């Protein structure tokens, strides 16, 4: 299944439909954009971010457009925003395994883990 993500809006208790997400391959301080997309009604991508054939060992970054998402939902945020974008840097050690990187987020906090 490759690499997938899922975002839950913990402020409203729902999937983060419409949030912008970017995936990068990283090497040191360099980040190369692989793809940019918008999450569907379930806070997920319509297809894996990377399928098994495209996933390789290395380091990656998922960038989530948190402030833009909450502003679009009508949430009044301070300027500057406490969380503008959330960058999750993670490593893929075993490209033959499925990596799921969920995000639980509000305008004030976030958490993540390696899901299944």
C-alpha atoms as a PDB file:
ATOM      1  CA  UNK A   1       0.000   0.000   0.000  1.00  0.00           C
ATOM      2  CA  UNK A   2       2.991   2.364   0.214  1.00  0.00           C
ATOM      3  CA  UNK A   3       2.554   5.673   2.071  1.00  0.00           C
ATOM      4  CA  UNK A   4      -0.730   7.181   3.265  1.00  0.00           C
ATOM      5  CA  UNK A   5      -2.002   9.903   5.598  1.00  0.00           C
ATOM      6  CA  UNK A   6      -5.216  10.863   7.363  1.00  0.00           C
ATOM      7  CA  UNK A   7      -5.956  14.138   9.162  1.00  0.00           C
ATOM      8  CA  UNK A   8      -8.512  14.605  11.916  1.00  0.00           C
ATOM      9  CA  UNK A   9      -9.617  18.057  13.058  1.00  0.00           C
ATOM     10  CA  UNK A  10      -9.768  17.720  16.851  1.00  0.00           C
ATOM     11  CA  UNK A  11     -11.307  21.193  17.289  1.00  0.00           C
ATOM     12  CA  UNK A  12     -14.453  20.258  15.369  1.00  0.00           C
ATOM     13  CA  UNK A  13     -14.300  16.482  15.831  1.00  0.00           C
ATOM     14  CA  UNK A  14     -14.259  15.629  12.137  1.00  0.00           C
ATOM     15  CA  UNK A  15     -11.978  14.761   9.219  1.00  0.00           C
ATOM     16  CA  UNK A  16      -9.946  17.711   7.890  1.00  0.00           C
ATOM     17  CA  UNK A  17     -11.602  17.772   4.466  1.00  0.00           C
ATOM     18  CA  UNK A  18     -10.045  20.338   2.145  1.00  0.00           C
ATOM     19  CA  UNK A  19      -6.690  20.625   3.938  1.00  0.00           C
ATOM     20  CA  UNK A  20      -3.713  21.103   1.621  1.00  0.00           C
ATOM     21  CA  UNK A  21      -0.883  18.590   1.989  1.00  0.00           C
ATOM     22  CA  UNK A  22       2.532  18.467   0.326  1.00  0.00           C
ATOM     23  CA  UNK A  23       4.920  15.507   0.263  1.00  0.00           C
ATOM     24  CA  UNK A  24       8.675  16.030  -0.056  1.00  0.00           C
ATOM     25  CA  UNK A  25      11.676  13.733  -0.288  1.00  0.00           C
ATOM     26  CA  UNK A  26      14.407  15.163   1.939  1.00  0.00           C
ATOM     27  CA  UNK A  27      18.159  14.864   1.953  1.00  0.00           C
ATOM     28  CA  UNK A  28      19.847  16.979   4.619  1.00  0.00           C
ATOM     29  CA  UNK A  29      18.481  20.514   4.310  1.00  0.00           C
ATOM     30  CA  UNK A  30      17.187  19.903   0.773  1.00  0.00           C
ATOM     31  CA  UNK A  31      13.524  19.067   0.189  1.00  0.00           C
ATOM     32  CA  UNK A  32      12.223  18.010  -3.220  1.00  0.00           C
ATOM     33  CA  UNK A  33       8.476  18.294  -3.784  1.00  0.00           C
ATOM     34  CA  UNK A  34       6.946  14.993  -4.868  1.00  0.00           C
ATOM     35  CA  UNK A  35       3.297  16.015  -4.886  1.00  0.00           C
ATOM     36  CA  UNK A  36       0.772  18.498  -3.553  1.00  0.00           C
ATOM     37  CA  UNK A  37      -2.897  17.657  -2.997  1.00  0.00           C
ATOM     38  CA  UNK A  38      -6.079  18.452  -1.083  1.00  0.00           C
ATOM     39  CA  UNK A  39      -7.629  15.952   1.351  1.00  0.00           C
ATOM     40  CA  UNK A  40     -11.011  14.471   0.473  1.00  0.00           C
ATOM     41  CA  UNK A  41     -14.252  14.456   2.534  1.00  0.00           C
ATOM     42  CA  UNK A  42     -12.773  11.809   4.860  1.00  0.00           C
ATOM     43  CA  UNK A  43      -9.535  13.740   5.527  1.00  0.00           C
ATOM     44  CA  UNK A  44      -7.610  11.271   3.360  1.00  0.00           C
ATOM     45  CA  UNK A  45      -6.039  11.182  -0.060  1.00  0.00           C
ATOM     46  CA  UNK A  46      -7.962   9.474  -2.858  1.00  0.00           C
ATOM     47  CA  UNK A  47      -4.950   7.236  -3.568  1.00  0.00           C
ATOM     48  CA  UNK A  48      -1.755   6.453  -1.651  1.00  0.00           C
ATOM     49  CA  UNK A  49       0.735   9.328  -1.481  1.00  0.00           C
ATOM     50  CA  UNK A  50       3.254   6.834  -2.848  1.00  0.00           C
ATOM     51  CA  UNK A  51       2.445   3.309  -3.978  1.00  0.00           C
ATOM     52  CA  UNK A  52       4.689   0.329  -3.197  1.00  0.00           C
ATOM     53  CA  UNK A  53       6.569   0.676  -6.484  1.00  0.00           C
ATOM     54  CA  UNK A  54       7.365   4.367  -5.841  1.00  0.00           C
ATOM     55  CA  UNK A  55       8.191   4.149  -2.125  1.00  0.00           C
ATOM     56  CA  UNK A  56      11.895   3.932  -1.338  1.00  0.00           C
ATOM     57  CA  UNK A  57      13.938   4.024   1.836  1.00  0.00           C
ATOM     58  CA  UNK A  58      14.916   7.518   2.903  1.00  0.00           C
ATOM     59  CA  UNK A  59      13.603  10.596   4.642  1.00  0.00           C
ATOM     60  CA  UNK A  60      10.395  12.419   3.813  1.00  0.00           C
ATOM     61  CA  UNK A  61       8.389  15.451   4.927  1.00  0.00           C
ATOM     62  CA  UNK A  62       4.652  15.897   4.990  1.00  0.00           C
ATOM     63  CA  UNK A  63       3.585  19.548   5.150  1.00  0.00           C
ATOM     64  CA  UNK A  64       0.032  20.217   6.286  1.00  0.00           C
ATOM     65  CA  UNK A  65      -1.648  23.605   5.667  1.00  0.00           C
ATOM     66  CA  UNK A  66      -3.152  23.939   9.136  1.00  0.00           C
ATOM     67  CA  UNK A  67      -3.873  27.691   9.359  1.00  0.00           C
ATOM     68  CA  UNK A  68      -5.349  27.822   5.854  1.00  0.00           C
ATOM     69  CA  UNK A  69      -7.646  24.932   6.682  1.00  0.00           C
ATOM     70  CA  UNK A  70      -8.937  26.460   9.928  1.00  0.00           C
ATOM     71  CA  UNK A  71      -9.357  29.915   8.364  1.00  0.00           C
ATOM     72  CA  UNK A  72     -11.408  28.334   5.563  1.00  0.00           C
ATOM     73  CA  UNK A  73     -13.631  26.807   8.285  1.00  0.00           C
ATOM     74  CA  UNK A  74     -14.226  30.296   9.697  1.00  0.00           C
ATOM     75  CA  UNK A  75     -11.984  29.980  12.745  1.00  0.00           C
ATOM     76  CA  UNK A  76     -10.577  33.367  13.774  1.00  0.00           C
ATOM     77  CA  UNK A  77      -6.844  32.905  14.345  1.00  0.00           C
ATOM     78  CA  UNK A  78      -4.353  35.355  15.837  1.00  0.00           C
ATOM     79  CA  UNK A  79      -1.684  36.916  13.622  1.00  0.00           C
ATOM     80  CA  UNK A  80       0.789  35.454  13.434  1.00  0.00           C
ATOM     81  CA  UNK A  81      -0.882  32.048  13.625  1.00  0.00           C
ATOM     82  CA  UNK A  82       0.293  29.747  16.391  1.00  0.00           C
ATOM     83  CA  UNK A  83       0.446  26.885  13.871  1.00  0.00           C
ATOM     84  CA  UNK A  84       0.692  27.926  10.249  1.00  0.00           C
ATOM     85  CA  UNK A  85       2.005  24.743   8.676  1.00  0.00           C
ATOM     86  CA  UNK A  86       2.862  21.485  10.379  1.00  0.00           C
ATOM     87  CA  UNK A  87       5.922  19.757   8.963  1.00  0.00           C
ATOM     88  CA  UNK A  88       6.359  16.099   9.847  1.00  0.00           C
ATOM     89  CA  UNK A  89       9.795  14.734   9.024  1.00  0.00           C
ATOM     90  CA  UNK A  90       9.999  10.941   9.115  1.00  0.00           C
ATOM     91  CA  UNK A  91      12.068   8.078   7.783  1.00  0.00           C
ATOM     92  CA  UNK A  92      11.179   5.038   5.722  1.00  0.00           C
ATOM     93  CA  UNK A  93      13.472   2.175   6.670  1.00  0.00           C
ATOM     94  CA  UNK A  94      11.565  -0.680   5.026  1.00  0.00           C
ATOM     95  CA  UNK A  95      10.092   0.295   1.661  1.00  0.00           C
ATOM     96  CA  UNK A  96       8.303  -3.056   1.435  1.00  0.00           C
ATOM     97  CA  UNK A  97       6.084  -2.143   4.409  1.00  0.00           C
ATOM     98  CA  UNK A  98       3.049   0.148   4.587  1.00  0.00           C
ATOM     99  CA  UNK A  99       3.655   3.513   6.275  1.00  0.00           C
ATOM    100  CA  UNK A 100       0.616   5.442   7.486  1.00  0.00           C
ATOM    101  CA  UNK A 101       1.252   8.915   8.965  1.00  0.00           C
ATOM    102  CA  UNK A 102      -1.895  10.327  10.595  1.00  0.00           C
ATOM    103  CA  UNK A 103      -2.193  13.822  12.027  1.00  0.00           C
ATOM    104  CA  UNK A 104      -4.533  14.941  14.810  1.00  0.00           C
ATOM    105  CA  UNK A 105      -4.667  18.742  14.754  1.00  0.00           C
ATOM    106  CA  UNK A 106      -6.266  21.868  16.176  1.00  0.00           C
ATOM    107  CA  UNK A 107      -5.152  25.500  15.768  1.00  0.00           C
ATOM    108  CA  UNK A 108      -3.118  25.059  18.990  1.00  0.00           C
ATOM    109  CA  UNK A 109      -1.699  21.532  18.961  1.00  0.00           C
ATOM    110  CA  UNK A 110      -0.981  18.418  16.951  1.00  0.00           C
ATOM    111  CA  UNK A 111       0.132  14.833  17.382  1.00  0.00           C
ATOM    112  CA  UNK A 112       1.158  12.037  15.059  1.00  0.00           C
ATOM    113  CA  UNK A 113       2.248   8.421  15.141  1.00  0.00           C
ATOM    114  CA  UNK A 114       3.020   5.578  12.783  1.00  0.00           C
ATOM    115  CA  UNK A 115      -0.355   4.083  12.054  1.00  0.00           C
ATOM    116  CA  UNK A 116      -1.341   0.873  10.363  1.00  0.00           C
END
